[in-house]
Amino acid sequence: MRELARRPGPSTRTRVEELTGEAVRRHEDRLATEEPLEIRLAWPGSPARRVWVTMRTPGHDFELAAGWLLHEGLAGPGLVAGVAYCTDVDLSPDQEFNVVTVTLSGPPLSDPGHRHDARSTGSSACGVCGKDSVAEALSVTAGARWAGPVPDPDVVRRLPGLMRGRQPLFDRTGGVHAAGLFTADGELLVVREDVGRHNAVDKVAGARLLAGDPPAGACLVVSGRAGFELVQKAISAGVGSLVAVGAPTSLSVDLARRGGLVLYGFTREGRTVRYTGDPTG
């Protein structure tokens, strides 16, 4: 009889020793789970093939896969026909919930064989690993540029705090990032957590895509720095502004300017720094 698969959870129990001065306290703690996720892509006339492997926190796996395809320019609204865990008989029980197949209703919007070699893999810290060159990484597939309003600075400064109240996995483990999509008025539409900051952004876009909602929004908020890969994903989805708790990089600022993305960094209650989008600049 085949062993039943165990669906991995977002956190894992462990025993620790907490050392404070001369005192030692032994207790149970929680770790953010980190496991690989293989994404396969299929469409009519083409069998499922591996296009990406990333290290992620289990949970919202279908959203992660759909969002990644959107940000890579392989799929868009209306093209994803289905998402399912792979049921190949040669998969071990530990692998069954770590392989996701996305089925499209037609061919992908770009050639996955050109940009996404079957050997491509990524870590939980990297959103653009596996690209053949820097030039290829810079070739962002941009969504329609955001035409609506974006949050004013007073709203921007409040957004990380509003998102922080919706991060239960961080509360348990202290080891995950978060991303959230907001309206220009500061209404939170969706928030997702993951050990990889780029995975959290993929999950947000995928949640919108699979719900039949536009993946774009007035503002994307991220709990860490604004690296190039996050700006790339925001522009790909057609987001109007990106708000980061941490710093941007030179390449992310340059890309935001070229993509028409309003970019903020070092954001907290009472302070934020705007790098692009200032009409007086």
C-alpha atoms as a PDB file:
ATOM      1  CA  MET A   1       0.000   0.000   0.000  1.00  0.00           C
ATOM      2  CA  ARG A   2       1.352   3.404  -1.003  1.00  0.00           C
ATOM      3  CA  GLU A   3       2.307   5.709   1.846  1.00  0.00           C
ATOM      4  CA  LEU A   4      -0.010   8.697   2.213  1.00  0.00           C
ATOM      5  CA  ALA A   5       1.584  12.041   1.429  1.00  0.00           C
ATOM      6  CA  ARG A   6       2.026  14.624   4.159  1.00  0.00           C
ATOM      7  CA  ARG A   7       1.212  18.191   3.190  1.00  0.00           C
ATOM      8  CA  PRO A   8       3.969  20.419   4.614  1.00  0.00           C
ATOM      9  CA  GLY A   9       2.830  23.257   6.858  1.00  0.00           C
ATOM     10  CA  PRO A  10       4.106  26.849   6.907  1.00  0.00           C
ATOM     11  CA  SER A  11       5.893  26.358  10.234  1.00  0.00           C
ATOM     12  CA  THR A  12       7.741  23.494  11.917  1.00  0.00           C
ATOM     13  CA  ARG A  13       8.205  22.687  15.595  1.00  0.00           C
ATOM     14  CA  THR A  14      11.686  22.378  17.074  1.00  0.00           C
ATOM     15  CA  ARG A  15      13.279  22.136  20.511  1.00  0.00           C
ATOM     16  CA  VAL A  16      15.678  24.931  21.490  1.00  0.00           C
ATOM     17  CA  GLU A  17      17.822  26.151  24.370  1.00  0.00           C
ATOM     18  CA  GLU A  18      17.383  29.841  25.139  1.00  0.00           C
ATOM     19  CA  LEU A  19      20.530  31.221  26.771  1.00  0.00           C
ATOM     20  CA  THR A  20      20.202  34.403  28.830  1.00  0.00           C
ATOM     21  CA  GLY A  21      23.280  35.193  30.892  1.00  0.00           C
ATOM     22  CA  GLU A  22      23.793  32.130  33.085  1.00  0.00           C
ATOM     23  CA  ALA A  23      20.221  30.882  32.650  1.00  0.00           C
ATOM     24  CA  VAL A  24      19.208  28.134  30.239  1.00  0.00           C
ATOM     25  CA  ARG A  25      15.575  27.670  29.294  1.00  0.00           C
ATOM     26  CA  ARG A  26      14.586  24.675  27.177  1.00  0.00           C
ATOM     27  CA  HIS A  27      11.347  24.985  25.265  1.00  0.00           C
ATOM     28  CA  GLU A  28       9.593  24.403  21.974  1.00  0.00           C
ATOM     29  CA  ASP A  29       9.932  26.964  19.213  1.00  0.00           C
ATOM     30  CA  ARG A  30       8.615  27.452  15.687  1.00  0.00           C
ATOM     31  CA  LEU A  31      10.636  27.694  12.472  1.00  0.00           C
ATOM     32  CA  ALA A  32       9.428  28.967   9.122  1.00  0.00           C
ATOM     33  CA  THR A  33       9.261  25.928   6.848  1.00  0.00           C
ATOM     34  CA  GLU A  34      11.474  26.068   3.755  1.00  0.00           C
ATOM     35  CA  GLU A  35      10.978  23.452   1.061  1.00  0.00           C
ATOM     36  CA  PRO A  36      11.412  23.334  -2.729  1.00  0.00           C
ATOM     37  CA  LEU A  37       8.521  23.928  -5.103  1.00  0.00           C
ATOM     38  CA  GLU A  38       8.811  22.733  -8.689  1.00  0.00           C
ATOM     39  CA  ILE A  39       6.566  24.561 -11.161  1.00  0.00           C
ATOM     40  CA  ARG A  40       5.543  22.726 -14.325  1.00  0.00           C
ATOM     41  CA  LEU A  41       3.738  24.246 -17.283  1.00  0.00           C
ATOM     42  CA  ALA A  42       1.380  22.522 -19.737  1.00  0.00           C
ATOM     43  CA  TRP A  43      -0.938  23.690 -22.519  1.00  0.00           C
ATOM     44  CA  PRO A  44      -2.942  21.991 -25.309  1.00  0.00           C
ATOM     45  CA  GLY A  45      -0.592  19.899 -27.411  1.00  0.00           C
ATOM     46  CA  SER A  46       2.317  20.247 -24.977  1.00  0.00           C
ATOM     47  CA  PRO A  47       2.912  17.911 -22.013  1.00  0.00           C
ATOM     48  CA  ALA A  48       3.855  19.339 -18.625  1.00  0.00           C
ATOM     49  CA  ARG A  49       7.467  20.485 -18.400  1.00  0.00           C
ATOM     50  CA  ARG A  50       9.477  21.944 -15.546  1.00  0.00           C
ATOM     51  CA  VAL A  51      10.050  25.677 -15.866  1.00  0.00           C
ATOM     52  CA  TRP A  52      11.230  26.690 -12.388  1.00  0.00           C
ATOM     53  CA  VAL A  53      12.195  25.404  -8.948  1.00  0.00           C
ATOM     54  CA  THR A  54      12.228  27.751  -5.972  1.00  0.00           C
ATOM     55  CA  MET A  55      12.646  27.401  -2.244  1.00  0.00           C
ATOM     56  CA  ARG A  56       9.469  28.589  -0.533  1.00  0.00           C
ATOM     57  CA  THR A  57       7.288  28.427   2.550  1.00  0.00           C
ATOM     58  CA  PRO A  58       4.492  25.912   1.844  1.00  0.00           C
ATOM     59  CA  GLY A  59       1.060  27.447   1.590  1.00  0.00           C
ATOM     60  CA  HIS A  60      -0.704  29.248  -1.278  1.00  0.00           C
ATOM     61  CA  ASP A  61       1.401  27.187  -3.683  1.00  0.00           C
ATOM     62  CA  PHE A  62      -1.061  27.551  -6.555  1.00  0.00           C
ATOM     63  CA  GLU A  63      -0.983  31.315  -6.157  1.00  0.00           C
ATOM     64  CA  LEU A  64       2.802  31.316  -6.125  1.00  0.00           C
ATOM     65  CA  ALA A  65       2.924  29.356  -9.385  1.00  0.00           C
ATOM     66  CA  ALA A  66       0.330  31.522 -11.124  1.00  0.00           C
ATOM     67  CA  GLY A  67       1.949  34.740  -9.935  1.00  0.00           C
ATOM     68  CA  TRP A  68       5.393  33.630 -11.039  1.00  0.00           C
ATOM     69  CA  LEU A  69       4.084  32.848 -14.532  1.00  0.00           C
ATOM     70  CA  LEU A  70       2.448  36.274 -14.683  1.00  0.00           C
ATOM     71  CA  HIS A  71       5.581  38.111 -13.603  1.00  0.00           C
ATOM     72  CA  GLU A  72       7.717  36.134 -16.062  1.00  0.00           C
ATOM     73  CA  GLY A  73       5.445  37.083 -18.955  1.00  0.00           C
ATOM     74  CA  LEU A  74       4.330  33.501 -19.588  1.00  0.00           C
ATOM     75  CA  ALA A  75       0.669  33.823 -18.589  1.00  0.00           C
ATOM     76  CA  GLY A  76      -1.883  36.538 -17.989  1.00  0.00           C
ATOM     77  CA  PRO A  77      -5.511  36.963 -16.925  1.00  0.00           C
ATOM     78  CA  GLY A  78      -7.785  34.419 -18.561  1.00  0.00           C
ATOM     79  CA  LEU A  79      -4.992  32.104 -19.709  1.00  0.00           C
ATOM     80  CA  VAL A  80      -4.628  29.895 -16.608  1.00  0.00           C
ATOM     81  CA  ALA A  81      -7.074  27.000 -17.031  1.00  0.00           C
ATOM     82  CA  GLY A  82      -6.100  25.051 -13.929  1.00  0.00           C
ATOM     83  CA  VAL A  83      -3.500  24.493 -11.217  1.00  0.00           C
ATOM     84  CA  ALA A  84      -2.952  21.182  -9.419  1.00  0.00           C
ATOM     85  CA  TYR A  85      -0.380  19.242  -7.455  1.00  0.00           C
ATOM     86  CA  CYS A  86       1.384  16.717  -9.647  1.00  0.00           C
ATOM     87  CA  THR A  87       0.268  13.094  -9.309  1.00  0.00           C
ATOM     88  CA  ASP A  88       3.141  11.331 -11.112  1.00  0.00           C
ATOM     89  CA  VAL A  89       3.498   7.820  -9.733  1.00  0.00           C
ATOM     90  CA  ASP A  90       7.289   8.159  -9.485  1.00  0.00           C
ATOM     91  CA  LEU A  91       7.059  11.007  -6.970  1.00  0.00           C
ATOM     92  CA  SER A  92       7.852  10.142  -3.351  1.00  0.00           C
ATOM     93  CA  PRO A  93       5.292  11.102  -0.673  1.00  0.00           C
ATOM     94  CA  ASP A  94       7.526  14.008   0.397  1.00  0.00           C
ATOM     95  CA  GLN A  95       7.522  15.341  -3.177  1.00  0.00           C
ATOM     96  CA  GLU A  96       3.811  15.168  -3.926  1.00  0.00           C
ATOM     97  CA  PHE A  97       2.959  18.550  -2.451  1.00  0.00           C
ATOM     98  CA  ASN A  98       6.161  20.139  -3.741  1.00  0.00           C
ATOM     99  CA  VAL A  99       5.359  19.858  -7.464  1.00  0.00           C
ATOM    100  CA  VAL A 100       2.670  22.046  -9.039  1.00  0.00           C
ATOM    101  CA  THR A 101       1.437  21.894 -12.636  1.00  0.00           C
ATOM    102  CA  VAL A 102      -0.186  24.950 -14.203  1.00  0.00           C
ATOM    103  CA  THR A 103      -2.300  24.182 -17.268  1.00  0.00           C
ATOM    104  CA  LEU A 104      -2.915  27.003 -19.738  1.00  0.00           C
ATOM    105  CA  SER A 105      -5.875  27.247 -22.093  1.00  0.00           C
ATOM    106  CA  GLY A 106      -3.520  28.115 -24.943  1.00  0.00           C
ATOM    107  CA  PRO A 107       0.196  28.578 -25.662  1.00  0.00           C
ATOM    108  CA  PRO A 108       2.169  30.722 -23.196  1.00  0.00           C
ATOM    109  CA  LEU A 109       2.624  34.396 -23.998  1.00  0.00           C
ATOM    110  CA  SER A 110       6.361  33.873 -24.493  1.00  0.00           C
ATOM    111  CA  ASP A 111       8.544  30.887 -25.206  1.00  0.00           C
ATOM    112  CA  PRO A 112       9.411  29.128 -21.926  1.00  0.00           C
ATOM    113  CA  GLY A 113      12.148  27.189 -23.705  1.00  0.00           C
ATOM    114  CA  HIS A 114      14.004  30.399 -24.499  1.00  0.00           C
ATOM    115  CA  ARG A 115      14.017  32.077 -21.103  1.00  0.00           C
ATOM    116  CA  HIS A 116      13.347  29.221 -18.663  1.00  0.00           C
ATOM    117  CA  ASP A 117      15.689  26.299 -19.110  1.00  0.00           C
ATOM    118  CA  ALA A 118      14.446  23.106 -17.434  1.00  0.00           C
ATOM    119  CA  ARG A 119      17.496  23.137 -15.163  1.00  0.00           C
ATOM    120  CA  SER A 120      16.720  26.583 -13.768  1.00  0.00           C
ATOM    121  CA  THR A 121      16.472  26.806 -10.008  1.00  0.00           C
ATOM    122  CA  GLY A 122      16.301  29.602  -7.494  1.00  0.00           C
ATOM    123  CA  SER A 123      16.828  30.089  -3.795  1.00  0.00           C
ATOM    124  CA  SER A 124      14.410  31.708  -1.383  1.00  0.00           C
ATOM    125  CA  ALA A 125      16.609  34.814  -1.545  1.00  0.00           C
ATOM    126  CA  CYS A 126      16.642  35.317  -5.300  1.00  0.00           C
ATOM    127  CA  GLY A 127      13.908  36.233  -7.745  1.00  0.00           C
ATOM    128  CA  VAL A 128      15.917  36.458 -10.970  1.00  0.00           C
ATOM    129  CA  CYS A 129      18.289  33.492 -10.671  1.00  0.00           C
ATOM    130  CA  GLY A 130      18.476  31.221 -13.713  1.00  0.00           C
ATOM    131  CA  LYS A 131      18.501  34.039 -16.258  1.00  0.00           C
ATOM    132  CA  ASP A 132      21.156  33.635 -18.929  1.00  0.00           C
ATOM    133  CA  SER A 133      22.460  37.199 -18.680  1.00  0.00           C
ATOM    134  CA  VAL A 134      21.956  40.545 -16.984  1.00  0.00           C
ATOM    135  CA  ALA A 135      20.485  41.876 -20.226  1.00  0.00           C
ATOM    136  CA  GLU A 136      17.888  39.108 -20.138  1.00  0.00           C
ATOM    137  CA  ALA A 137      17.032  39.914 -16.540  1.00  0.00           C
ATOM    138  CA  LEU A 138      16.558  43.554 -17.521  1.00  0.00           C
ATOM    139  CA  SER A 139      14.076  42.679 -20.268  1.00  0.00           C
ATOM    140  CA  VAL A 140      10.986  43.174 -18.132  1.00  0.00           C
ATOM    141  CA  THR A 141       7.638  42.223 -19.598  1.00  0.00           C
ATOM    142  CA  ALA A 142       5.639  45.215 -18.448  1.00  0.00           C
ATOM    143  CA  GLY A 143       1.952  45.132 -17.788  1.00  0.00           C
ATOM    144  CA  ALA A 144      -0.287  48.032 -18.728  1.00  0.00           C
ATOM    145  CA  ARG A 145       0.999  51.091 -16.875  1.00  0.00           C
ATOM    146  CA  TRP A 146      -1.145  51.999 -13.840  1.00  0.00           C
ATOM    147  CA  ALA A 147      -3.480  54.852 -14.794  1.00  0.00           C
ATOM    148  CA  GLY A 148      -5.252  55.337 -11.476  1.00  0.00           C
ATOM    149  CA  PRO A 149      -4.254  57.223  -8.324  1.00  0.00           C
ATOM    150  CA  VAL A 150      -1.472  56.078  -6.018  1.00  0.00           C
ATOM    151  CA  PRO A 151      -1.314  56.641  -2.240  1.00  0.00           C
ATOM    152  CA  ASP A 152      -0.216  60.064  -1.056  1.00  0.00           C
ATOM    153  CA  PRO A 153       2.713  60.174   1.415  1.00  0.00           C
ATOM    154  CA  ASP A 154       0.441  60.291   4.474  1.00  0.00           C
ATOM    155  CA  VAL A 155      -1.111  56.972   3.421  1.00  0.00           C
ATOM    156  CA  VAL A 156       2.232  55.502   2.365  1.00  0.00           C
ATOM    157  CA  ARG A 157       3.697  55.962   5.837  1.00  0.00           C
ATOM    158  CA  ARG A 158       0.839  53.958   7.370  1.00  0.00           C
ATOM    159  CA  LEU A 159       0.932  50.993   4.983  1.00  0.00           C
ATOM    160  CA  PRO A 160       3.694  48.838   6.541  1.00  0.00           C
ATOM    161  CA  GLY A 161       1.944  49.061   9.908  1.00  0.00           C
ATOM    162  CA  LEU A 162      -1.383  48.058   8.369  1.00  0.00           C
ATOM    163  CA  MET A 163       0.290  45.065   6.722  1.00  0.00           C
ATOM    164  CA  ARG A 164       2.190  44.129   9.889  1.00  0.00           C
ATOM    165  CA  GLY A 165      -1.091  43.387  11.625  1.00  0.00           C
ATOM    166  CA  ARG A 166      -1.787  40.686   9.036  1.00  0.00           C
ATOM    167  CA  GLN A 167       1.439  38.666   9.382  1.00  0.00           C
ATOM    168  CA  PRO A 168       0.592  35.722  11.669  1.00  0.00           C
ATOM    169  CA  LEU A 169       3.428  33.507  10.413  1.00  0.00           C
ATOM    170  CA  PHE A 170       5.988  36.205  11.198  1.00  0.00           C
ATOM    171  CA  ASP A 171       4.490  36.468  14.678  1.00  0.00           C
ATOM    172  CA  ARG A 172       5.076  32.727  15.192  1.00  0.00           C
ATOM    173  CA  THR A 173       8.511  32.402  13.593  1.00  0.00           C
ATOM    174  CA  GLY A 174      10.093  35.807  12.939  1.00  0.00           C
ATOM    175  CA  GLY A 175      11.519  34.276   9.765  1.00  0.00           C
ATOM    176  CA  VAL A 176       9.356  35.304   6.811  1.00  0.00           C
ATOM    177  CA  HIS A 177       8.741  38.274   4.548  1.00  0.00           C
ATOM    178  CA  ALA A 178       5.374  39.721   3.592  1.00  0.00           C
ATOM    179  CA  ALA A 179       3.873  41.495   0.592  1.00  0.00           C
ATOM    180  CA  GLY A 180       0.531  43.227   0.382  1.00  0.00           C
ATOM    181  CA  LEU A 181      -1.520  44.918  -2.315  1.00  0.00           C
ATOM    182  CA  PHE A 182      -3.354  48.108  -1.324  1.00  0.00           C
ATOM    183  CA  THR A 183      -5.716  50.624  -2.875  1.00  0.00           C
ATOM    184  CA  ALA A 184      -4.740  54.294  -3.080  1.00  0.00           C
ATOM    185  CA  ASP A 185      -6.840  54.914   0.048  1.00  0.00           C
ATOM    186  CA  GLY A 186      -4.931  52.309   2.066  1.00  0.00           C
ATOM    187  CA  GLU A 187      -7.419  49.437   1.861  1.00  0.00           C
ATOM    188  CA  LEU A 188      -5.616  46.097   2.060  1.00  0.00           C
ATOM    189  CA  LEU A 189      -6.699  43.787  -0.768  1.00  0.00           C
ATOM    190  CA  VAL A 190      -4.466  40.763  -0.110  1.00  0.00           C
ATOM    191  CA  VAL A 191      -1.375  39.930   1.938  1.00  0.00           C
ATOM    192  CA  ARG A 192       0.862  36.858   1.736  1.00  0.00           C
ATOM    193  CA  GLU A 193       3.924  35.643   3.660  1.00  0.00           C
ATOM    194  CA  ASP A 194       6.897  33.543   2.559  1.00  0.00           C
ATOM    195  CA  VAL A 195      10.511  32.900   3.447  1.00  0.00           C
ATOM    196  CA  GLY A 196      11.359  34.414   0.046  1.00  0.00           C
ATOM    197  CA  ARG A 197      10.374  38.048  -0.508  1.00  0.00           C
ATOM    198  CA  HIS A 198       9.902  37.436  -4.240  1.00  0.00           C
ATOM    199  CA  ASN A 199       7.689  34.421  -3.482  1.00  0.00           C
ATOM    200  CA  ALA A 200       5.457  36.581  -1.282  1.00  0.00           C
ATOM    201  CA  VAL A 201       5.006  39.003  -4.196  1.00  0.00           C
ATOM    202  CA  ASP A 202       4.243  36.108  -6.569  1.00  0.00           C
ATOM    203  CA  LYS A 203       1.617  34.812  -4.133  1.00  0.00           C
ATOM    204  CA  VAL A 204      -0.083  38.214  -3.966  1.00  0.00           C
ATOM    205  CA  ALA A 205      -0.329  38.497  -7.759  1.00  0.00           C
ATOM    206  CA  GLY A 206      -1.369  34.851  -8.062  1.00  0.00           C
ATOM    207  CA  ALA A 207      -4.127  35.283  -5.483  1.00  0.00           C
ATOM    208  CA  ARG A 208      -5.594  38.101  -7.533  1.00  0.00           C
ATOM    209  CA  LEU A 209      -5.170  36.236 -10.815  1.00  0.00           C
ATOM    210  CA  LEU A 210      -6.825  33.016  -9.624  1.00  0.00           C
ATOM    211  CA  ALA A 211      -9.685  34.987  -8.036  1.00  0.00           C
ATOM    212  CA  GLY A 212     -10.394  36.643 -11.386  1.00  0.00           C
ATOM    213  CA  ASP A 213      -9.279  40.063 -10.104  1.00  0.00           C
ATOM    214  CA  PRO A 214      -6.745  42.369 -11.796  1.00  0.00           C
ATOM    215  CA  PRO A 215      -3.227  41.555 -10.532  1.00  0.00           C
ATOM    216  CA  ALA A 216      -2.339  45.254 -10.699  1.00  0.00           C
ATOM    217  CA  GLY A 217      -3.126  47.690  -7.909  1.00  0.00           C
ATOM    218  CA  ALA A 218      -2.317  51.160  -6.689  1.00  0.00           C
ATOM    219  CA  CYS A 219       0.403  50.043  -4.284  1.00  0.00           C
ATOM    220  CA  LEU A 220       2.474  46.960  -3.501  1.00  0.00           C
ATOM    221  CA  VAL A 221       4.070  46.935  -0.034  1.00  0.00           C
ATOM    222  CA  VAL A 222       7.026  44.687   0.870  1.00  0.00           C
ATOM    223  CA  SER A 223       8.467  44.046   4.317  1.00  0.00           C
ATOM    224  CA  GLY A 224      12.142  44.172   3.305  1.00  0.00           C
ATOM    225  CA  ARG A 225      14.329  45.959   0.807  1.00  0.00           C
ATOM    226  CA  ALA A 226      13.254  46.993  -2.682  1.00  0.00           C
ATOM    227  CA  GLY A 227      15.612  44.902  -4.778  1.00  0.00           C
ATOM    228  CA  PHE A 228      15.612  44.772  -8.552  1.00  0.00           C
ATOM    229  CA  GLU A 229      13.540  41.598  -8.687  1.00  0.00           C
ATOM    230  CA  LEU A 230      10.681  43.157  -6.717  1.00  0.00           C
ATOM    231  CA  VAL A 231      10.584  46.252  -8.931  1.00  0.00           C
ATOM    232  CA  GLN A 232      10.621  43.948 -11.953  1.00  0.00           C
ATOM    233  CA  LYS A 233       7.618  42.012 -10.666  1.00  0.00           C
ATOM    234  CA  ALA A 234       5.703  45.190  -9.767  1.00  0.00           C
ATOM    235  CA  ILE A 235       6.173  46.589 -13.261  1.00  0.00           C
ATOM    236  CA  SER A 236       5.276  43.240 -14.824  1.00  0.00           C
ATOM    237  CA  ALA A 237       1.958  43.239 -12.959  1.00  0.00           C
ATOM    238  CA  GLY A 238       1.211  46.878 -13.775  1.00  0.00           C
ATOM    239  CA  VAL A 239       1.397  48.100 -10.170  1.00  0.00           C
ATOM    240  CA  GLY A 240       1.381  51.877  -9.650  1.00  0.00           C
ATOM    241  CA  SER A 241       3.749  52.191  -6.696  1.00  0.00           C
ATOM    242  CA  LEU A 242       6.067  50.064  -4.568  1.00  0.00           C
ATOM    243  CA  VAL A 243       6.590  50.780  -0.873  1.00  0.00           C
ATOM    244  CA  ALA A 244       9.472  49.073   0.934  1.00  0.00           C
ATOM    245  CA  VAL A 245      10.378  48.996   4.604  1.00  0.00           C
ATOM    246  CA  GLY A 246      14.048  48.740   3.656  1.00  0.00           C
ATOM    247  CA  ALA A 247      16.348  50.334   1.117  1.00  0.00           C
ATOM    248  CA  PRO A 248      16.228  50.175  -2.672  1.00  0.00           C
ATOM    249  CA  THR A 249      19.263  49.484  -4.839  1.00  0.00           C
ATOM    250  CA  SER A 250      20.700  51.547  -7.687  1.00  0.00           C
ATOM    251  CA  LEU A 251      19.381  49.096 -10.272  1.00  0.00           C
ATOM    252  CA  SER A 252      15.904  49.013  -8.732  1.00  0.00           C
ATOM    253  CA  VAL A 253      15.658  52.810  -8.763  1.00  0.00           C
ATOM    254  CA  ASP A 254      16.816  52.943 -12.377  1.00  0.00           C
ATOM    255  CA  LEU A 255      14.276  50.306 -13.423  1.00  0.00           C
ATOM    256  CA  ALA A 256      11.464  52.035 -11.498  1.00  0.00           C
ATOM    257  CA  ARG A 257      12.196  55.284 -13.322  1.00  0.00           C
ATOM    258  CA  ARG A 258      12.208  53.568 -16.697  1.00  0.00           C
ATOM    259  CA  GLY A 259       9.026  51.652 -15.889  1.00  0.00           C
ATOM    260  CA  GLY A 260       7.050  54.598 -14.488  1.00  0.00           C
ATOM    261  CA  LEU A 261       6.814  53.030 -11.019  1.00  0.00           C
ATOM    262  CA  VAL A 262       6.585  55.289  -7.951  1.00  0.00           C
ATOM    263  CA  LEU A 263       9.146  53.880  -5.496  1.00  0.00           C
ATOM    264  CA  TYR A 264       9.439  54.477  -1.741  1.00  0.00           C
ATOM    265  CA  GLY A 265      11.961  53.072   0.721  1.00  0.00           C
ATOM    266  CA  PHE A 266      12.747  53.253   4.462  1.00  0.00           C
ATOM    267  CA  THR A 267       9.029  53.508   5.161  1.00  0.00           C
ATOM    268  CA  ARG A 268       7.584  53.530   8.641  1.00  0.00           C
ATOM    269  CA  GLU A 269       5.078  55.534  10.639  1.00  0.00           C
ATOM    270  CA  GLY A 270       6.174  59.162  10.359  1.00  0.00           C
ATOM    271  CA  ARG A 271       8.819  58.749   7.624  1.00  0.00           C
ATOM    272  CA  THR A 272       9.351  57.541   4.066  1.00  0.00           C
ATOM    273  CA  VAL A 273      11.817  58.314   1.257  1.00  0.00           C
ATOM    274  CA  ARG A 274      10.561  58.715  -2.303  1.00  0.00           C
ATOM    275  CA  TYR A 275      13.044  57.758  -5.007  1.00  0.00           C
ATOM    276  CA  THR A 276      10.935  58.008  -8.179  1.00  0.00           C
ATOM    277  CA  GLY A 277       7.634  59.552  -9.188  1.00  0.00           C
ATOM    278  CA  ASP A 278       8.193  63.035  -7.757  1.00  0.00           C
ATOM    279  CA  PRO A 279       6.618  65.414 -10.296  1.00  0.00           C
ATOM    280  CA  THR A 280       8.999  68.192  -9.169  1.00  0.00           C
ATOM    281  CA  GLY A 281      12.112  66.059  -9.618  1.00  0.00           C
END
